[in-house]
Amino acid sequence: MVENDTPIVHLHKFRNKKQLQGEEASFQLIEKVKRYSERHLNIREMVRAKHIFKLHLQLKEEDEIPSSMYQLFTDWLIFDYQTIHGVSVFQLFLQRQRTQMHEYEMIQAALCMAAVMEPLLITNYDGKTIVGYDLNEEEQVVSLNKVEHSSLTIVRGTVVFLRRIPGIKNNFAFTPLLLCQDVHPFSELRTNYQRMGKKDTLRSFLKHRALDILPESQYWEVVSQ
């Protein structure tokens, strides 16, 4: 019996190892993109991005972006903001750095670039992974990484906004999490999406509403990821 189970044990170890490798590669890649944006985005581009961000989140133009929101701003700046070149910061990074990247980095880059900030209605949380329903009413299992999650207040009925990409075992989140205790924004988004008759893909629906889909800022908190 032990001999028969041994290949299964090895398979689990292999899958765990590959899952962790994919997660680590993604986090390292995002750090490179962040450094790129800090060094290469000019002041005019950054001022324009901050103006759009503040406008959508109803922040005062003359005020600095609150520190509690800056991770969200950086995430949006990299993935969703359209630069004056007509592409995202992430795409600019790839255009200029891809010749120096390994194949596995390009694979992770493609997965990261396709990810969108989306809400999940949580049905279960065990301290390491969350289980919830997306706007298509499909159940999703997502690993949480890089922070001590045991202290997070995530209960059934909580809504979490996150970006996730597929791993060997399951999806994993790789950018800041937005926790929202109010289920209304999720229900409203799902209703709006369903009214479209799903003529648009879920990704396109969310990509074009990257900031508009967020609840009013007083109803959510950002958690480092």
Protein backbone atom coordinates (compact mmCIF):
# COMPACT_ATOMS: atom_id res chain seq x y z
CA MET A 1 0.00 0.00 0.00
CA VAL A 2 2.82 2.40 0.84
CA GLU A 3 4.51 1.67 -2.48
CA ASN A 4 1.27 2.39 -4.37
CA ASP A 5 0.84 5.70 -2.57
CA THR A 6 4.43 6.86 -3.11
CA PRO A 7 3.92 8.24 -6.64
CA ILE A 8 0.92 10.23 -5.40
CA VAL A 9 3.00 11.73 -2.58
CA HIS A 10 5.69 12.68 -5.07
CA LEU A 11 3.09 14.23 -7.37
CA HIS A 12 1.72 16.37 -4.52
CA LYS A 13 5.25 17.54 -3.68
CA PHE A 14 5.94 18.33 -7.32
CA ARG A 15 2.72 20.31 -7.67
CA ASN A 16 3.40 22.22 -4.44
CA LYS A 17 6.91 23.04 -5.64
CA LYS A 18 5.72 24.25 -9.05
CA GLN A 19 2.94 26.29 -7.45
CA LEU A 20 5.45 28.09 -5.22
CA GLN A 21 7.84 28.64 -8.12
CA GLY A 22 5.08 30.25 -10.18
CA GLU A 23 4.08 32.48 -7.30
CA GLU A 24 7.64 33.57 -6.57
CA ALA A 25 8.35 34.26 -10.25
CA SER A 26 5.26 36.47 -10.45
CA PHE A 27 6.14 38.47 -7.34
CA GLN A 28 9.69 39.00 -8.58
CA LEU A 29 8.41 40.12 -11.97
CA ILE A 30 6.00 42.64 -10.43
CA GLU A 31 8.83 44.09 -8.34
CA LYS A 32 10.85 44.60 -11.52
CA VAL A 33 7.92 46.39 -13.17
CA LYS A 34 7.50 48.61 -10.11
CA ARG A 35 11.17 49.59 -10.22
CA TYR A 36 10.85 50.25 -13.95
CA SER A 37 7.86 52.57 -13.43
CA GLU A 38 9.67 54.47 -10.67
CA ARG A 39 12.71 55.05 -12.89
CA HIS A 40 11.22 55.59 -16.33
CA LEU A 41 7.77 57.19 -16.01
CA ASN A 42 8.16 60.92 -16.48
CA ILE A 43 6.60 63.48 -14.19
CA ARG A 44 3.94 64.48 -16.71
CA GLU A 45 2.76 60.88 -17.02
CA MET A 46 2.65 60.42 -13.26
CA VAL A 47 0.70 63.66 -12.74
CA ARG A 48 -1.81 62.56 -15.37
CA ALA A 49 -2.21 59.12 -13.76
CA LYS A 50 -2.72 60.58 -10.29
CA HIS A 51 -5.31 63.02 -11.63
CA ILE A 52 -7.36 60.19 -13.17
CA PHE A 53 -7.04 58.06 -10.04
CA LYS A 54 -8.15 60.87 -7.72
CA LEU A 55 -11.02 61.79 -10.01
CA HIS A 56 -12.45 58.26 -10.02
CA LEU A 57 -12.04 57.76 -6.28
CA GLN A 58 -13.41 61.23 -5.52
CA LEU A 59 -10.23 62.43 -3.83
CA LYS A 60 -9.35 66.12 -3.68
CA GLU A 61 -7.05 67.13 -6.51
CA GLU A 62 -4.79 69.16 -4.22
CA ASP A 63 -4.30 66.32 -1.72
CA GLU A 64 -1.74 63.55 -1.88
CA ILE A 65 -3.00 60.02 -2.41
CA PRO A 66 -3.42 58.55 1.10
CA SER A 67 -0.77 56.02 2.07
CA SER A 68 -3.52 53.46 2.65
CA MET A 69 -4.44 53.72 -1.06
CA TYR A 70 -1.01 54.05 -2.61
CA GLN A 71 -0.54 50.32 -3.15
CA LEU A 72 -3.85 50.28 -5.01
CA PHE A 73 -2.70 53.26 -7.09
CA THR A 74 0.57 51.52 -7.98
CA ASP A 75 -1.30 48.35 -8.94
CA TRP A 76 -3.71 50.29 -11.18
CA LEU A 77 -0.86 52.35 -12.65
CA ILE A 78 1.01 49.22 -13.74
CA PHE A 79 -1.85 47.14 -15.10
CA ASP A 80 -4.78 49.37 -16.09
CA TYR A 81 -3.61 52.92 -16.66
CA GLN A 82 -3.20 53.74 -20.36
CA THR A 83 -0.05 55.78 -20.92
CA ILE A 84 0.28 58.49 -23.57
CA HIS A 85 1.73 55.71 -25.75
CA GLY A 86 -1.64 53.93 -25.67
CA VAL A 87 -0.43 50.91 -23.71
CA SER A 88 -0.09 49.99 -20.04
CA VAL A 89 3.08 50.45 -18.01
CA PHE A 90 3.37 46.67 -17.89
CA GLN A 91 3.33 46.52 -21.69
CA LEU A 92 5.98 49.26 -21.91
CA PHE A 93 8.15 47.24 -19.54
CA LEU A 94 7.80 44.12 -21.70
CA GLN A 95 8.54 46.01 -24.92
CA ARG A 96 11.83 47.27 -23.53
CA GLN A 97 12.91 44.33 -21.37
CA ARG A 98 11.68 41.17 -23.08
CA THR A 99 15.00 40.46 -24.81
CA GLN A 100 16.56 40.18 -21.36
CA MET A 101 13.86 37.96 -19.89
CA HIS A 102 13.83 34.17 -19.53
CA GLU A 103 11.08 32.07 -21.07
CA TYR A 104 9.44 31.34 -17.71
CA GLU A 105 9.34 35.08 -16.99
CA MET A 106 7.57 35.73 -20.29
CA ILE A 107 5.00 33.05 -19.44
CA GLN A 108 4.31 34.61 -16.05
CA ALA A 109 4.23 38.05 -17.65
CA ALA A 110 1.51 36.94 -20.06
CA LEU A 111 -0.56 35.58 -17.17
CA CYS A 112 -0.08 38.71 -15.06
CA MET A 113 -0.94 41.04 -17.92
CA ALA A 114 -4.21 39.19 -18.53
CA ALA A 115 -5.30 39.46 -14.90
CA VAL A 116 -7.90 42.05 -13.86
CA MET A 117 -9.03 43.41 -10.52
CA GLU A 118 -12.20 41.45 -9.80
CA PRO A 119 -14.50 40.77 -6.86
CA LEU A 120 -15.15 37.41 -5.23
CA LEU A 121 -18.03 36.81 -2.83
CA ILE A 122 -16.38 34.75 -0.10
CA THR A 123 -17.93 31.47 1.04
CA ASN A 124 -14.94 30.08 2.97
CA TYR A 125 -11.52 31.15 4.30
CA ASP A 126 -9.01 28.92 6.10
CA GLY A 127 -6.16 31.38 6.67
CA LYS A 128 -4.31 30.37 3.49
CA THR A 129 -6.89 30.21 0.72
CA ILE A 130 -10.23 31.78 0.02
CA VAL A 131 -13.17 30.20 -1.77
CA GLY A 132 -15.77 32.39 -3.40
CA TYR A 133 -17.97 33.09 -6.39
CA ASP A 134 -17.07 35.43 -9.23
CA LEU A 135 -19.48 37.48 -11.35
CA ASN A 136 -20.08 34.44 -13.56
CA GLU A 137 -21.23 32.61 -10.42
CA GLU A 138 -18.36 30.17 -10.81
CA GLU A 139 -16.59 28.96 -7.67
CA GLN A 140 -12.95 30.03 -7.40
CA VAL A 141 -10.20 28.93 -5.02
CA VAL A 142 -7.39 31.45 -4.54
CA SER A 143 -4.17 31.18 -2.52
CA LEU A 144 -3.16 34.24 -0.50
CA ASN A 145 0.54 34.99 -0.24
CA LYS A 146 3.28 37.12 1.25
CA VAL A 147 1.48 38.39 4.36
CA GLU A 148 0.28 36.85 7.61
CA HIS A 149 -3.34 36.21 6.74
CA SER A 150 -4.45 34.52 9.94
CA SER A 151 -5.38 37.91 11.42
CA LEU A 152 -7.49 39.04 8.46
CA THR A 153 -11.19 39.49 9.02
CA ILE A 154 -12.55 37.48 6.12
CA VAL A 155 -15.88 35.85 6.79
CA ARG A 156 -18.63 34.35 4.68
CA GLY A 157 -20.31 37.17 2.80
CA THR A 158 -17.19 39.35 2.70
CA VAL A 159 -16.24 40.65 -0.75
CA VAL A 160 -12.58 40.73 -1.77
CA PHE A 161 -11.24 42.47 -4.86
CA LEU A 162 -8.04 40.93 -6.21
CA ARG A 163 -5.99 39.98 -9.25
CA ARG A 164 -5.42 36.26 -9.66
CA ILE A 165 -3.60 34.04 -12.10
CA PRO A 166 -3.59 30.25 -12.47
CA GLY A 167 -0.99 28.12 -10.73
CA ILE A 168 -0.32 24.39 -10.92
CA LYS A 169 -2.65 23.67 -7.96
CA ASN A 170 -4.98 26.65 -7.93
CA ASN A 171 -5.19 30.36 -8.63
CA PHE A 172 -3.17 32.77 -6.53
CA ALA A 173 -3.45 36.48 -5.78
CA PHE A 174 -0.38 38.58 -6.56
CA THR A 175 -1.40 42.18 -5.92
CA PRO A 176 -2.99 44.09 -3.02
CA LEU A 177 -6.33 42.80 -1.74
CA LEU A 178 -9.31 45.05 -1.17
CA LEU A 179 -11.62 43.82 1.56
CA CYS A 180 -15.20 45.05 1.57
CA GLN A 181 -17.73 44.06 4.22
CA ASP A 182 -20.66 45.34 2.14
CA VAL A 183 -22.00 42.83 -0.40
CA HIS A 184 -23.96 45.49 -2.33
CA PRO A 185 -21.12 46.46 -4.74
CA PHE A 186 -20.70 42.81 -5.74
CA SER A 187 -24.41 42.31 -6.32
CA GLU A 188 -24.64 45.52 -8.34
CA LEU A 189 -21.68 44.55 -10.51
CA ARG A 190 -23.08 41.08 -11.16
CA THR A 191 -26.46 42.55 -12.10
CA ASN A 192 -24.84 45.02 -14.51
CA TYR A 193 -22.77 42.27 -16.07
CA GLN A 194 -25.76 39.96 -16.48
CA ARG A 195 -27.83 42.76 -18.04
CA MET A 196 -25.29 42.89 -20.83
CA GLY A 197 -26.24 39.32 -21.66
CA LYS A 198 -22.56 38.45 -21.24
CA LYS A 199 -21.87 39.87 -24.70
CA ASP A 200 -18.58 41.07 -23.30
CA THR A 201 -16.09 38.76 -21.60
CA LEU A 202 -15.76 39.07 -17.85
CA ARG A 203 -12.17 40.25 -18.26
CA SER A 204 -13.12 42.99 -20.73
CA PHE A 205 -16.06 44.06 -18.57
CA LEU A 206 -13.79 44.50 -15.55
CA LYS A 207 -10.76 45.86 -17.43
CA HIS A 208 -12.72 48.78 -18.82
CA ARG A 209 -14.08 49.57 -15.34
CA ALA A 210 -10.90 49.13 -13.33
CA LEU A 211 -11.63 52.06 -11.01
CA ASP A 212 -15.36 52.41 -11.50
CA ILE A 213 -16.04 48.95 -10.05
CA LEU A 214 -14.56 49.85 -6.66
CA PRO A 215 -16.95 50.65 -3.81
CA GLU A 216 -16.75 54.05 -2.15
CA SER A 217 -13.40 54.19 -0.37
CA GLN A 218 -14.85 54.30 3.15
CA TYR A 219 -16.23 50.78 2.68
CA TRP A 220 -13.01 48.90 1.96
CA GLU A 221 -9.45 48.46 3.21
CA VAL A 222 -6.28 47.57 1.32
CA VAL A 223 -4.20 44.58 2.46
CA SER A 224 -0.62 44.14 1.21
CA GLN A 225 -0.12 41.11 -1.00
